Amino acid sequence: MQEHFEQLISGFLEKQVGVSNEFLNGELAAQLKNNLKILYESEALHLAGVGNDHLYNKNKEIRRDKIFWLEKKSANLYEQTFFKLIDAFVLYLNSTCFTSIHSYEFHYALYEQGAFYKKHIDQFKSDDRRVFSMIMYLNEDWDEKDGGQLKLYCDTGIEIISPTNQKCVFFKSNELAHEVCKSNAPRMSITGWLKTS
């Protein structure tokens, strides 16, 4: 487990973005994907918005993904396993990098065919509690023609990451602009933020 944590941290320190290709084990990724598919089929997902508080709005010209917020009190075994993994990573991150992360928030995300999210950063203008962004992908047998790549605007240039199954991406929420390219097939993930409070 620590090997995957170190991959995220060292990549972030070296080039602004950390990537671990097997942050989620195969069984956990499969079960979380199944949870997401059930939520989608039951129409529990809702169109995501942009901004917060009085600035919040749903703008399909900016983003078209559908989301469902995870609750730490969830009785679902695999969501509980996911939160235990995040807790372990936060503990490791705080103890090795002195980051003072105290909370987090995560949601399922599904991009239907044709969905995208234009260039943005993950921190609100009126709320700076989001420190790190994390995205974990749930897409088996993903092919480049399926689109949906994550495009990151790093200081050294653009980095493009394919949303392949079990992969985790880690970066600073207020520094790294990024976008999700148009998806040509359903694209599934868990996205969230490590916060100071």
N, C-alpha and C. Protein backbone atom coordinates (compact mmCIF):
# COMPACT_ATOMS: atom_id res chain seq x y z
N MET A 1 0.82 -1.21 0.00
CA MET A 1 0.00 0.00 0.00
C MET A 1 0.86 1.26 0.00
N GLN A 2 1.90 1.28 0.85
CA GLN A 2 2.77 2.45 0.92
C GLN A 2 3.48 2.72 -0.40
N GLU A 3 3.71 1.67 -1.18
CA GLU A 3 4.33 1.84 -2.49
C GLU A 3 3.47 2.74 -3.38
N HIS A 4 2.16 2.51 -3.35
CA HIS A 4 1.25 3.33 -4.16
C HIS A 4 1.16 4.75 -3.61
N PHE A 5 1.19 4.88 -2.28
CA PHE A 5 1.19 6.21 -1.68
C PHE A 5 2.42 7.00 -2.12
N GLU A 6 3.57 6.33 -2.09
CA GLU A 6 4.82 6.99 -2.48
C GLU A 6 4.82 7.38 -3.95
N GLN A 7 4.20 6.57 -4.80
CA GLN A 7 4.11 6.92 -6.22
C GLN A 7 3.35 8.23 -6.40
N LEU A 8 2.26 8.40 -5.67
CA LEU A 8 1.49 9.63 -5.76
C LEU A 8 2.29 10.83 -5.26
N ILE A 9 2.93 10.67 -4.11
CA ILE A 9 3.66 11.78 -3.49
C ILE A 9 4.89 12.15 -4.29
N SER A 10 5.68 11.17 -4.70
CA SER A 10 6.91 11.47 -5.43
C SER A 10 6.62 12.09 -6.79
N GLY A 11 5.59 11.59 -7.47
CA GLY A 11 5.21 12.18 -8.75
C GLY A 11 4.76 13.62 -8.59
N PHE A 12 3.99 13.87 -7.54
CA PHE A 12 3.55 15.24 -7.26
C PHE A 12 4.74 16.17 -6.99
N LEU A 13 5.68 15.70 -6.18
CA LEU A 13 6.83 16.53 -5.84
C LEU A 13 7.74 16.78 -7.05
N GLU A 14 7.84 15.80 -7.93
CA GLU A 14 8.73 15.92 -9.08
C GLU A 14 8.11 16.69 -10.25
N LYS A 15 6.83 16.50 -10.50
CA LYS A 15 6.25 17.10 -11.71
C LYS A 15 4.80 17.59 -11.54
N GLN A 16 4.42 17.92 -10.29
CA GLN A 16 3.11 18.51 -9.98
C GLN A 16 1.95 17.52 -9.99
N VAL A 17 2.14 16.33 -10.53
CA VAL A 17 1.05 15.36 -10.56
C VAL A 17 1.59 13.97 -10.27
N GLY A 18 0.97 13.30 -9.31
CA GLY A 18 1.34 11.93 -8.98
C GLY A 18 0.35 10.95 -9.58
N VAL A 19 0.85 9.81 -10.04
CA VAL A 19 0.01 8.79 -10.64
C VAL A 19 0.39 7.42 -10.07
N SER A 20 -0.60 6.68 -9.64
CA SER A 20 -0.41 5.28 -9.25
C SER A 20 -1.36 4.45 -10.09
N ASN A 21 -0.85 3.52 -10.86
CA ASN A 21 -1.68 2.75 -11.78
C ASN A 21 -2.53 1.68 -11.11
N GLU A 22 -2.21 1.33 -9.86
CA GLU A 22 -2.98 0.30 -9.16
C GLU A 22 -3.30 0.74 -7.73
N PHE A 23 -3.69 1.99 -7.59
CA PHE A 23 -4.04 2.51 -6.26
C PHE A 23 -5.23 1.74 -5.69
N LEU A 24 -6.23 1.46 -6.53
CA LEU A 24 -7.34 0.59 -6.14
C LEU A 24 -7.02 -0.83 -6.59
N ASN A 25 -7.25 -1.81 -5.71
CA ASN A 25 -7.05 -3.18 -6.19
C ASN A 25 -8.20 -3.56 -7.12
N GLY A 26 -8.01 -4.63 -7.87
CA GLY A 26 -8.97 -5.00 -8.90
C GLY A 26 -10.36 -5.25 -8.39
N GLU A 27 -10.48 -5.96 -7.26
CA GLU A 27 -11.80 -6.26 -6.72
C GLU A 27 -12.50 -5.00 -6.25
N LEU A 28 -11.78 -4.13 -5.55
CA LEU A 28 -12.39 -2.90 -5.05
C LEU A 28 -12.86 -2.03 -6.21
N ALA A 29 -12.03 -1.89 -7.24
CA ALA A 29 -12.42 -1.08 -8.40
C ALA A 29 -13.68 -1.65 -9.05
N ALA A 30 -13.73 -2.97 -9.20
CA ALA A 30 -14.89 -3.61 -9.83
C ALA A 30 -16.17 -3.40 -9.02
N GLN A 31 -16.06 -3.51 -7.71
CA GLN A 31 -17.25 -3.36 -6.87
C GLN A 31 -17.72 -1.91 -6.80
N LEU A 32 -16.77 -0.97 -6.77
CA LEU A 32 -17.15 0.44 -6.78
C LEU A 32 -17.80 0.81 -8.11
N LYS A 33 -17.26 0.26 -9.20
CA LYS A 33 -17.88 0.48 -10.51
C LYS A 33 -19.30 -0.07 -10.53
N ASN A 34 -19.49 -1.24 -9.93
CA ASN A 34 -20.83 -1.83 -9.87
C ASN A 34 -21.78 -0.94 -9.08
N ASN A 35 -21.30 -0.39 -7.96
CA ASN A 35 -22.11 0.54 -7.18
C ASN A 35 -22.54 1.73 -8.05
N LEU A 36 -21.58 2.27 -8.78
CA LEU A 36 -21.85 3.45 -9.62
C LEU A 36 -22.87 3.12 -10.71
N LYS A 37 -22.73 1.95 -11.32
CA LYS A 37 -23.67 1.56 -12.37
C LYS A 37 -25.09 1.41 -11.81
N ILE A 38 -25.21 0.86 -10.62
CA ILE A 38 -26.53 0.71 -9.99
C ILE A 38 -27.14 2.08 -9.72
N LEU A 39 -26.34 3.00 -9.20
CA LEU A 39 -26.82 4.36 -8.94
C LEU A 39 -27.27 5.04 -10.24
N TYR A 40 -26.48 4.85 -11.29
CA TYR A 40 -26.82 5.45 -12.57
C TYR A 40 -28.13 4.87 -13.12
N GLU A 41 -28.25 3.57 -13.07
CA GLU A 41 -29.45 2.92 -13.61
C GLU A 41 -30.71 3.27 -12.81
N SER A 42 -30.54 3.58 -11.53
CA SER A 42 -31.68 3.98 -10.70
C SER A 42 -31.92 5.48 -10.74
N GLU A 43 -31.17 6.18 -11.59
CA GLU A 43 -31.28 7.63 -11.78
C GLU A 43 -31.00 8.42 -10.50
N ALA A 44 -30.06 7.90 -9.70
CA ALA A 44 -29.67 8.59 -8.47
C ALA A 44 -28.60 9.65 -8.70
N LEU A 45 -27.93 9.58 -9.84
CA LEU A 45 -26.92 10.59 -10.16
C LEU A 45 -27.60 11.87 -10.61
N HIS A 46 -26.93 12.99 -10.37
CA HIS A 46 -27.48 14.27 -10.84
C HIS A 46 -26.41 15.08 -11.55
N LEU A 47 -26.83 15.93 -12.44
CA LEU A 47 -25.91 16.76 -13.21
C LEU A 47 -25.09 17.63 -12.28
N ALA A 48 -23.76 17.59 -12.45
CA ALA A 48 -22.87 18.38 -11.59
C ALA A 48 -22.93 19.86 -11.96
N GLY A 49 -22.61 20.70 -10.99
CA GLY A 49 -22.59 22.14 -11.22
C GLY A 49 -21.19 22.70 -11.09
N VAL A 50 -21.09 24.00 -11.21
CA VAL A 50 -19.82 24.71 -11.02
C VAL A 50 -20.03 25.81 -9.99
N GLY A 51 -18.95 26.14 -9.27
CA GLY A 51 -19.05 27.16 -8.23
C GLY A 51 -19.63 26.61 -6.94
N ASN A 52 -19.76 27.47 -5.96
CA ASN A 52 -20.34 27.07 -4.67
C ASN A 52 -21.19 28.21 -4.12
N ASP A 53 -21.96 27.89 -3.09
CA ASP A 53 -22.82 28.86 -2.43
C ASP A 53 -23.69 29.61 -3.45
N HIS A 54 -23.69 30.94 -3.38
CA HIS A 54 -24.55 31.72 -4.28
C HIS A 54 -24.04 31.74 -5.72
N LEU A 55 -22.80 31.27 -5.96
CA LEU A 55 -22.23 31.24 -7.30
C LEU A 55 -22.50 29.91 -8.01
N TYR A 56 -23.13 28.97 -7.30
CA TYR A 56 -23.34 27.63 -7.85
C TYR A 56 -24.34 27.66 -9.00
N ASN A 57 -24.02 26.98 -10.10
CA ASN A 57 -24.97 26.83 -11.19
C ASN A 57 -24.60 25.61 -12.02
N LYS A 58 -25.57 25.13 -12.77
CA LYS A 58 -25.36 23.99 -13.66
C LYS A 58 -25.27 24.52 -15.09
N ASN A 59 -24.09 24.37 -15.67
CA ASN A 59 -23.83 24.93 -17.00
C ASN A 59 -23.29 23.82 -17.90
N LYS A 60 -24.12 23.34 -18.81
CA LYS A 60 -23.72 22.24 -19.68
C LYS A 60 -22.67 22.64 -20.70
N GLU A 61 -22.41 23.95 -20.82
CA GLU A 61 -21.34 24.38 -21.72
C GLU A 61 -19.97 24.23 -21.05
N ILE A 62 -19.96 24.07 -19.72
CA ILE A 62 -18.71 23.92 -18.97
C ILE A 62 -18.47 22.46 -18.58
N ARG A 63 -19.49 21.81 -18.05
CA ARG A 63 -19.33 20.41 -17.65
C ARG A 63 -20.64 19.67 -17.82
N ARG A 64 -20.52 18.35 -18.11
CA ARG A 64 -21.71 17.55 -18.35
C ARG A 64 -21.69 16.22 -17.61
N ASP A 65 -20.84 16.09 -16.62
CA ASP A 65 -20.80 14.84 -15.87
C ASP A 65 -21.93 14.77 -14.86
N LYS A 66 -22.26 13.55 -14.45
CA LYS A 66 -23.26 13.31 -13.42
C LYS A 66 -22.58 12.71 -12.20
N ILE A 67 -23.02 13.11 -11.01
CA ILE A 67 -22.31 12.72 -9.80
C ILE A 67 -23.25 12.22 -8.71
N PHE A 68 -22.64 11.55 -7.71
CA PHE A 68 -23.33 11.12 -6.50
C PHE A 68 -22.33 11.19 -5.36
N TRP A 69 -22.61 11.99 -4.34
CA TRP A 69 -21.67 12.17 -3.23
C TRP A 69 -21.64 10.94 -2.34
N LEU A 70 -20.43 10.52 -1.96
CA LEU A 70 -20.27 9.40 -1.05
C LEU A 70 -20.38 9.89 0.39
N GLU A 71 -20.95 9.05 1.23
CA GLU A 71 -21.09 9.36 2.65
C GLU A 71 -20.24 8.39 3.46
N LYS A 72 -19.46 8.92 4.39
CA LYS A 72 -18.59 8.04 5.18
C LYS A 72 -19.40 7.08 6.05
N LYS A 73 -20.63 7.44 6.36
CA LYS A 73 -21.48 6.55 7.16
C LYS A 73 -22.16 5.47 6.32
N SER A 74 -21.82 5.41 5.04
CA SER A 74 -22.40 4.40 4.15
C SER A 74 -22.23 3.00 4.72
N ALA A 75 -23.26 2.19 4.56
CA ALA A 75 -23.21 0.79 5.02
C ALA A 75 -22.60 -0.12 3.97
N ASN A 76 -22.31 0.41 2.79
CA ASN A 76 -21.76 -0.41 1.72
C ASN A 76 -20.34 -0.83 2.05
N LEU A 77 -20.08 -2.13 2.03
CA LEU A 77 -18.78 -2.67 2.43
C LEU A 77 -17.64 -2.08 1.60
N TYR A 78 -17.86 -1.95 0.31
CA TYR A 78 -16.77 -1.51 -0.57
C TYR A 78 -16.52 -0.01 -0.45
N GLU A 79 -17.55 0.76 -0.17
CA GLU A 79 -17.35 2.18 0.10
C GLU A 79 -16.61 2.36 1.42
N GLN A 80 -16.91 1.52 2.41
CA GLN A 80 -16.18 1.56 3.67
C GLN A 80 -14.70 1.20 3.45
N THR A 81 -14.44 0.21 2.61
CA THR A 81 -13.06 -0.17 2.28
C THR A 81 -12.35 0.99 1.58
N PHE A 82 -13.06 1.66 0.69
CA PHE A 82 -12.49 2.82 0.01
C PHE A 82 -12.10 3.90 1.01
N PHE A 83 -12.98 4.22 1.95
CA PHE A 83 -12.69 5.25 2.94
C PHE A 83 -11.51 4.86 3.83
N LYS A 84 -11.39 3.59 4.16
CA LYS A 84 -10.24 3.13 4.95
C LYS A 84 -8.94 3.35 4.18
N LEU A 85 -8.98 3.13 2.86
CA LEU A 85 -7.81 3.38 2.03
C LEU A 85 -7.45 4.86 2.03
N ILE A 86 -8.46 5.71 1.90
CA ILE A 86 -8.21 7.16 1.91
C ILE A 86 -7.69 7.59 3.27
N ASP A 87 -8.25 7.06 4.34
CA ASP A 87 -7.76 7.39 5.69
C ASP A 87 -6.29 7.03 5.83
N ALA A 88 -5.91 5.87 5.32
CA ALA A 88 -4.51 5.43 5.41
C ALA A 88 -3.61 6.35 4.60
N PHE A 89 -4.07 6.78 3.44
CA PHE A 89 -3.27 7.69 2.62
C PHE A 89 -3.11 9.05 3.30
N VAL A 90 -4.19 9.56 3.86
CA VAL A 90 -4.13 10.86 4.57
C VAL A 90 -3.16 10.77 5.74
N LEU A 91 -3.22 9.68 6.50
CA LEU A 91 -2.30 9.50 7.63
C LEU A 91 -0.86 9.49 7.15
N TYR A 92 -0.60 8.78 6.06
CA TYR A 92 0.75 8.70 5.50
C TYR A 92 1.20 10.06 4.96
N LEU A 93 0.31 10.74 4.27
CA LEU A 93 0.62 12.06 3.71
C LEU A 93 0.94 13.07 4.82
N ASN A 94 0.12 13.07 5.86
CA ASN A 94 0.35 14.01 6.96
C ASN A 94 1.64 13.70 7.72
N SER A 95 1.95 12.42 7.88
CA SER A 95 3.13 12.05 8.66
C SER A 95 4.43 12.24 7.89
N THR A 96 4.37 12.16 6.56
CA THR A 96 5.60 12.27 5.75
C THR A 96 5.79 13.66 5.15
N CYS A 97 4.68 14.38 4.93
CA CYS A 97 4.78 15.68 4.25
C CYS A 97 4.22 16.84 5.08
N PHE A 98 3.72 16.54 6.29
CA PHE A 98 3.24 17.58 7.21
C PHE A 98 2.21 18.49 6.53
N THR A 99 1.21 17.87 5.94
CA THR A 99 0.23 18.63 5.15
C THR A 99 -0.99 19.10 5.95
N SER A 100 -1.22 18.56 7.14
CA SER A 100 -2.33 18.98 8.01
C SER A 100 -3.70 18.81 7.34
N ILE A 101 -3.89 17.70 6.64
CA ILE A 101 -5.20 17.38 6.08
C ILE A 101 -6.08 16.84 7.20
N HIS A 102 -7.29 17.38 7.32
CA HIS A 102 -8.19 16.97 8.41
C HIS A 102 -9.51 16.37 7.92
N SER A 103 -9.83 16.54 6.65
CA SER A 103 -11.09 16.01 6.15
C SER A 103 -11.00 15.78 4.64
N TYR A 104 -12.06 15.24 4.09
CA TYR A 104 -12.09 15.02 2.65
C TYR A 104 -13.53 14.87 2.19
N GLU A 105 -13.73 14.95 0.88
CA GLU A 105 -15.04 14.72 0.28
C GLU A 105 -14.82 14.04 -1.07
N PHE A 106 -15.69 13.06 -1.38
CA PHE A 106 -15.56 12.31 -2.63
C PHE A 106 -16.94 12.06 -3.23
N HIS A 107 -16.97 11.97 -4.55
CA HIS A 107 -18.21 11.59 -5.23
C HIS A 107 -17.91 10.64 -6.39
N TYR A 108 -18.90 9.82 -6.71
CA TYR A 108 -18.87 9.07 -7.95
C TYR A 108 -19.09 10.06 -9.09
N ALA A 109 -18.48 9.80 -10.23
CA ALA A 109 -18.71 10.63 -11.41
C ALA A 109 -18.86 9.74 -12.64
N LEU A 110 -19.83 10.06 -13.46
CA LEU A 110 -20.03 9.34 -14.71
C LEU A 110 -20.18 10.34 -15.85
N TYR A 111 -19.33 10.17 -16.85
CA TYR A 111 -19.41 10.97 -18.07
C TYR A 111 -20.08 10.11 -19.14
N GLU A 112 -21.27 10.49 -19.54
CA GLU A 112 -21.94 9.79 -20.63
C GLU A 112 -21.24 10.13 -21.94
N GLN A 113 -21.56 9.40 -22.99
CA GLN A 113 -20.97 9.67 -24.30
C GLN A 113 -21.21 11.13 -24.68
N GLY A 114 -20.13 11.82 -25.05
CA GLY A 114 -20.23 13.23 -25.42
C GLY A 114 -20.00 14.20 -24.28
N ALA A 115 -19.89 13.70 -23.04
CA ALA A 115 -19.70 14.59 -21.89
C ALA A 115 -18.25 15.02 -21.77
N PHE A 116 -18.02 16.14 -21.10
CA PHE A 116 -16.70 16.75 -20.95
C PHE A 116 -16.73 17.68 -19.73
N TYR A 117 -15.54 18.22 -19.40
CA TYR A 117 -15.44 19.25 -18.36
C TYR A 117 -14.32 20.18 -18.80
N LYS A 118 -14.68 21.41 -19.13
CA LYS A 118 -13.70 22.35 -19.66
C LYS A 118 -12.65 22.75 -18.61
N LYS A 119 -11.60 23.39 -19.07
CA LYS A 119 -10.44 23.75 -18.24
C LYS A 119 -10.87 24.53 -17.00
N HIS A 120 -10.32 24.11 -15.84
CA HIS A 120 -10.69 24.72 -14.57
C HIS A 120 -9.66 24.35 -13.51
N ILE A 121 -9.76 24.98 -12.34
CA ILE A 121 -9.05 24.52 -11.15
C ILE A 121 -10.08 24.09 -10.12
N ASP A 122 -9.65 23.33 -9.12
CA ASP A 122 -10.60 22.70 -8.20
C ASP A 122 -10.87 23.49 -6.92
N GLN A 123 -10.31 24.65 -6.79
CA GLN A 123 -10.53 25.41 -5.56
C GLN A 123 -11.47 26.58 -5.82
N PHE A 124 -12.45 26.75 -4.93
CA PHE A 124 -13.39 27.84 -5.06
C PHE A 124 -12.75 29.18 -4.69
N LYS A 125 -13.24 30.25 -5.29
CA LYS A 125 -12.72 31.59 -4.97
C LYS A 125 -13.02 31.97 -3.52
N SER A 126 -14.14 31.49 -3.00
CA SER A 126 -14.56 31.88 -1.65
C SER A 126 -14.27 30.82 -0.59
N ASP A 127 -13.55 29.77 -0.95
CA ASP A 127 -13.29 28.67 -0.02
C ASP A 127 -11.98 27.98 -0.42
N ASP A 128 -10.96 28.12 0.44
CA ASP A 128 -9.64 27.57 0.10
C ASP A 128 -9.32 26.28 0.87
N ARG A 129 -10.34 25.58 1.35
CA ARG A 129 -10.08 24.38 2.15
C ARG A 129 -9.62 23.18 1.33
N ARG A 130 -9.96 23.13 0.05
CA ARG A 130 -9.48 22.04 -0.79
C ARG A 130 -7.99 22.21 -1.05
N VAL A 131 -7.20 21.21 -0.67
CA VAL A 131 -5.74 21.29 -0.83
C VAL A 131 -5.26 20.38 -1.96
N PHE A 132 -5.69 19.12 -1.93
CA PHE A 132 -5.27 18.16 -2.96
C PHE A 132 -6.48 17.54 -3.64
N SER A 133 -6.36 17.33 -4.94
CA SER A 133 -7.38 16.63 -5.72
C SER A 133 -6.95 15.20 -5.97
N MET A 134 -7.91 14.28 -5.94
CA MET A 134 -7.65 12.88 -6.23
C MET A 134 -8.73 12.36 -7.17
N ILE A 135 -8.31 11.64 -8.20
CA ILE A 135 -9.26 11.01 -9.12
C ILE A 135 -8.87 9.55 -9.27
N MET A 136 -9.84 8.65 -9.06
CA MET A 136 -9.60 7.22 -9.19
C MET A 136 -10.52 6.66 -10.25
N TYR A 137 -9.96 5.98 -11.24
CA TYR A 137 -10.73 5.55 -12.40
C TYR A 137 -11.25 4.12 -12.29
N LEU A 138 -12.42 3.90 -12.90
CA LEU A 138 -13.12 2.62 -12.80
C LEU A 138 -13.49 2.10 -14.19
N ASN A 139 -12.57 2.26 -15.16
CA ASN A 139 -12.87 1.94 -16.55
C ASN A 139 -12.02 0.77 -17.05
N GLU A 140 -12.61 -0.40 -17.09
CA GLU A 140 -11.91 -1.58 -17.61
C GLU A 140 -11.88 -1.54 -19.14
N ASP A 141 -10.82 -2.09 -19.71
CA ASP A 141 -10.70 -2.21 -21.16
C ASP A 141 -10.82 -0.86 -21.87
N TRP A 142 -10.29 0.19 -21.24
CA TRP A 142 -10.37 1.53 -21.85
C TRP A 142 -9.40 1.63 -23.02
N ASP A 143 -9.86 2.22 -24.12
CA ASP A 143 -9.04 2.40 -25.31
C ASP A 143 -8.92 3.89 -25.60
N GLU A 144 -7.82 4.30 -26.20
CA GLU A 144 -7.60 5.72 -26.47
C GLU A 144 -8.73 6.33 -27.31
N LYS A 145 -9.32 5.53 -28.19
CA LYS A 145 -10.42 6.05 -29.02
C LYS A 145 -11.66 6.38 -28.18
N ASP A 146 -11.71 5.87 -26.94
CA ASP A 146 -12.83 6.16 -26.05
C ASP A 146 -12.80 7.58 -25.51
N GLY A 147 -11.67 8.27 -25.70
CA GLY A 147 -11.57 9.66 -25.24
C GLY A 147 -11.57 9.78 -23.73
N GLY A 148 -12.08 10.91 -23.22
CA GLY A 148 -12.20 11.10 -21.78
C GLY A 148 -10.89 11.26 -21.04
N GLN A 149 -9.80 11.59 -21.76
CA GLN A 149 -8.51 11.75 -21.10
C GLN A 149 -8.52 12.98 -20.18
N LEU A 150 -7.72 12.91 -19.15
CA LEU A 150 -7.49 14.04 -18.26
C LEU A 150 -6.32 14.84 -18.81
N LYS A 151 -6.53 16.12 -19.09
CA LYS A 151 -5.48 16.98 -19.62
C LYS A 151 -5.07 17.96 -18.52
N LEU A 152 -3.80 17.89 -18.10
CA LEU A 152 -3.29 18.71 -17.01
C LEU A 152 -2.31 19.75 -17.55
N TYR A 153 -2.47 20.99 -17.13
CA TYR A 153 -1.63 22.09 -17.61
C TYR A 153 -0.53 22.35 -16.57
N CYS A 154 0.55 21.58 -16.68
CA CYS A 154 1.67 21.66 -15.74
C CYS A 154 2.63 22.77 -16.16
N ASP A 155 3.51 23.16 -15.26
CA ASP A 155 4.50 24.20 -15.57
C ASP A 155 5.41 23.79 -16.72
N THR A 156 5.65 22.50 -16.85
CA THR A 156 6.56 22.00 -17.89
C THR A 156 5.84 21.66 -19.19
N GLY A 157 4.52 21.82 -19.23
CA GLY A 157 3.76 21.52 -20.43
C GLY A 157 2.51 20.72 -20.10
N ILE A 158 1.82 20.31 -21.12
CA ILE A 158 0.56 19.58 -20.95
C ILE A 158 0.85 18.08 -20.75
N GLU A 159 0.22 17.53 -19.74
CA GLU A 159 0.31 16.08 -19.52
C GLU A 159 -1.08 15.49 -19.73
N ILE A 160 -1.16 14.40 -20.47
CA ILE A 160 -2.44 13.76 -20.77
C ILE A 160 -2.45 12.37 -20.15
N ILE A 161 -3.49 12.10 -19.37
CA ILE A 161 -3.59 10.83 -18.64
C ILE A 161 -4.86 10.11 -19.06
N SER A 162 -4.74 8.86 -19.44
CA SER A 162 -5.89 8.04 -19.81
C SER A 162 -6.59 7.53 -18.55
N PRO A 163 -7.92 7.49 -18.56
CA PRO A 163 -8.69 7.11 -17.36
C PRO A 163 -8.83 5.60 -17.20
N THR A 164 -7.70 4.92 -17.10
CA THR A 164 -7.73 3.46 -17.06
C THR A 164 -8.00 2.93 -15.65
N ASN A 165 -8.57 1.74 -15.60
CA ASN A 165 -9.05 1.14 -14.37
C ASN A 165 -7.97 1.04 -13.29
N GLN A 166 -8.35 1.36 -12.05
CA GLN A 166 -7.54 1.27 -10.82
C GLN A 166 -6.58 2.45 -10.65
N LYS A 167 -6.40 3.26 -11.66
CA LYS A 167 -5.43 4.37 -11.61
C LYS A 167 -5.92 5.49 -10.71
N CYS A 168 -4.97 6.12 -10.00
CA CYS A 168 -5.26 7.30 -9.20
C CYS A 168 -4.34 8.44 -9.64
N VAL A 169 -4.91 9.65 -9.72
CA VAL A 169 -4.17 10.86 -10.05
C VAL A 169 -4.28 11.82 -8.87
N PHE A 170 -3.17 12.48 -8.54
CA PHE A 170 -3.08 13.30 -7.32
C PHE A 170 -2.36 14.61 -7.64
N PHE A 171 -2.98 15.75 -7.31
CA PHE A 171 -2.34 17.04 -7.59
C PHE A 171 -2.92 18.13 -6.69
N LYS A 172 -2.30 19.29 -6.70
CA LYS A 172 -2.69 20.42 -5.84
C LYS A 172 -3.93 21.09 -6.42
N SER A 173 -4.96 21.24 -5.60
CA SER A 173 -6.24 21.73 -6.08
C SER A 173 -6.21 23.16 -6.59
N ASN A 174 -5.39 24.01 -5.96
CA ASN A 174 -5.41 25.43 -6.32
C ASN A 174 -4.35 25.82 -7.34
N GLU A 175 -3.57 24.86 -7.81
CA GLU A 175 -2.46 25.19 -8.70
C GLU A 175 -2.60 24.65 -10.11
N LEU A 176 -3.16 23.47 -10.26
CA LEU A 176 -3.07 22.78 -11.54
C LEU A 176 -4.41 22.85 -12.30
N ALA A 177 -4.43 23.69 -13.34
CA ALA A 177 -5.61 23.72 -14.21
C ALA A 177 -5.67 22.41 -14.99
N HIS A 178 -6.87 21.95 -15.26
CA HIS A 178 -7.05 20.68 -15.95
C HIS A 178 -8.42 20.64 -16.60
N GLU A 179 -8.59 19.68 -17.49
CA GLU A 179 -9.88 19.48 -18.13
C GLU A 179 -10.08 18.00 -18.45
N VAL A 180 -11.32 17.62 -18.64
CA VAL A 180 -11.65 16.27 -19.08
C VAL A 180 -12.09 16.36 -20.54
N CYS A 181 -11.36 15.71 -21.41
CA CYS A 181 -11.69 15.71 -22.83
C CYS A 181 -13.01 14.98 -23.08
N LYS A 182 -13.64 15.28 -24.18
CA LYS A 182 -14.92 14.65 -24.50
C LYS A 182 -14.79 13.14 -24.49
N SER A 183 -15.73 12.50 -23.81
CA SER A 183 -15.73 11.05 -23.71
C SER A 183 -16.58 10.45 -24.82
N ASN A 184 -16.05 9.43 -25.45
CA ASN A 184 -16.78 8.74 -26.51
C ASN A 184 -17.43 7.45 -26.03
N ALA A 185 -17.30 7.17 -24.76
CA ALA A 185 -17.90 6.00 -24.12
C ALA A 185 -18.14 6.36 -22.66
N PRO A 186 -19.05 5.68 -21.98
CA PRO A 186 -19.27 5.99 -20.57
C PRO A 186 -17.96 5.91 -19.78
N ARG A 187 -17.68 6.94 -19.02
CA ARG A 187 -16.41 7.07 -18.28
C ARG A 187 -16.73 7.22 -16.81
N MET A 188 -16.18 6.35 -15.97
CA MET A 188 -16.53 6.31 -14.56
C MET A 188 -15.32 6.54 -13.66
N SER A 189 -15.56 7.23 -12.55
CA SER A 189 -14.47 7.52 -11.61
C SER A 189 -15.04 7.85 -10.25
N ILE A 190 -14.12 7.94 -9.28
CA ILE A 190 -14.40 8.59 -7.99
C ILE A 190 -13.46 9.77 -7.91
N THR A 191 -14.03 10.93 -7.67
CA THR A 191 -13.25 12.17 -7.61
C THR A 191 -13.45 12.82 -6.26
N GLY A 192 -12.38 13.42 -5.73
CA GLY A 192 -12.53 14.07 -4.43
C GLY A 192 -11.38 14.96 -4.07
N TRP A 193 -11.48 15.52 -2.87
CA TRP A 193 -10.52 16.52 -2.41
C TRP A 193 -10.15 16.29 -0.94
N LEU A 194 -8.87 16.40 -0.67
CA LEU A 194 -8.36 16.38 0.70
C LEU A 194 -8.36 17.81 1.19
N LYS A 195 -8.89 18.03 2.40
CA LYS A 195 -9.15 19.40 2.87
C LYS A 195 -8.51 19.69 4.21
N THR A 196 -8.36 20.98 4.49
CA THR A 196 -7.77 21.40 5.76
C THR A 196 -8.80 21.33 6.89
N SER A 197 -10.06 21.39 6.58
CA SER A 197 -11.12 21.31 7.61
C SER A 197 -12.43 20.88 6.99
